[in-house]
Amino acid sequence: MLSKAVLAHRSRVLAAVALGGALGSTLRYGVSLALPHADGGAVWPTLTVNVLGCFVIGAFTVLLAETERHHLLRPFLGVGVLGGFTTFSGYLADAGGLLATGQPLYAALYLLLTVLLALPAVVCGAALAGGLLTRSRRAPGTATGGEP
């Protein structure tokens, strides 16, 4: 039997994930409206959200590891917002749609291009966040920087 404190904590985490997921999914839908495509056609909305989401995940991972944070930030942003924003199931569905419409080369290029862009996006996001944190720590007037 879980204590009331544990149940309350889990309820807060669930609410953070749900709110973040709603926000992330809404943002992804907005991107699909901004970059519309026909079934089996261009896959730019999915590619865009996945690469952008990977960039933010890389930056977010570094920021969480290097800074003090609220205990609900990771479930809200990491699991909720970014989980709702990115769609690797949509990525595979898009590739399947391309195959179903007789475009196997386009499907293969899409699958490869996503991996070739998404993985470096994670690294770039992490490097950018790490660089910004290092720079902010060296800046005058900061806790670890020079004199104000």
Foldseek 3Di string as FASTA:
>chain_A
DDDPVVVVVVVLLVVLQAVLQVQQLVVLVVLCVVVPDDQLGDPVSQLVQLLQLLLQLLQVVLCPVPDDDDPNPCSNHVNRNSVNNHDVVVLVVSLVRNVVVPNNVVSVCSVVVSVVRNVVSSVNSNVVNVVVVVVVLCDAPDPNHHDD
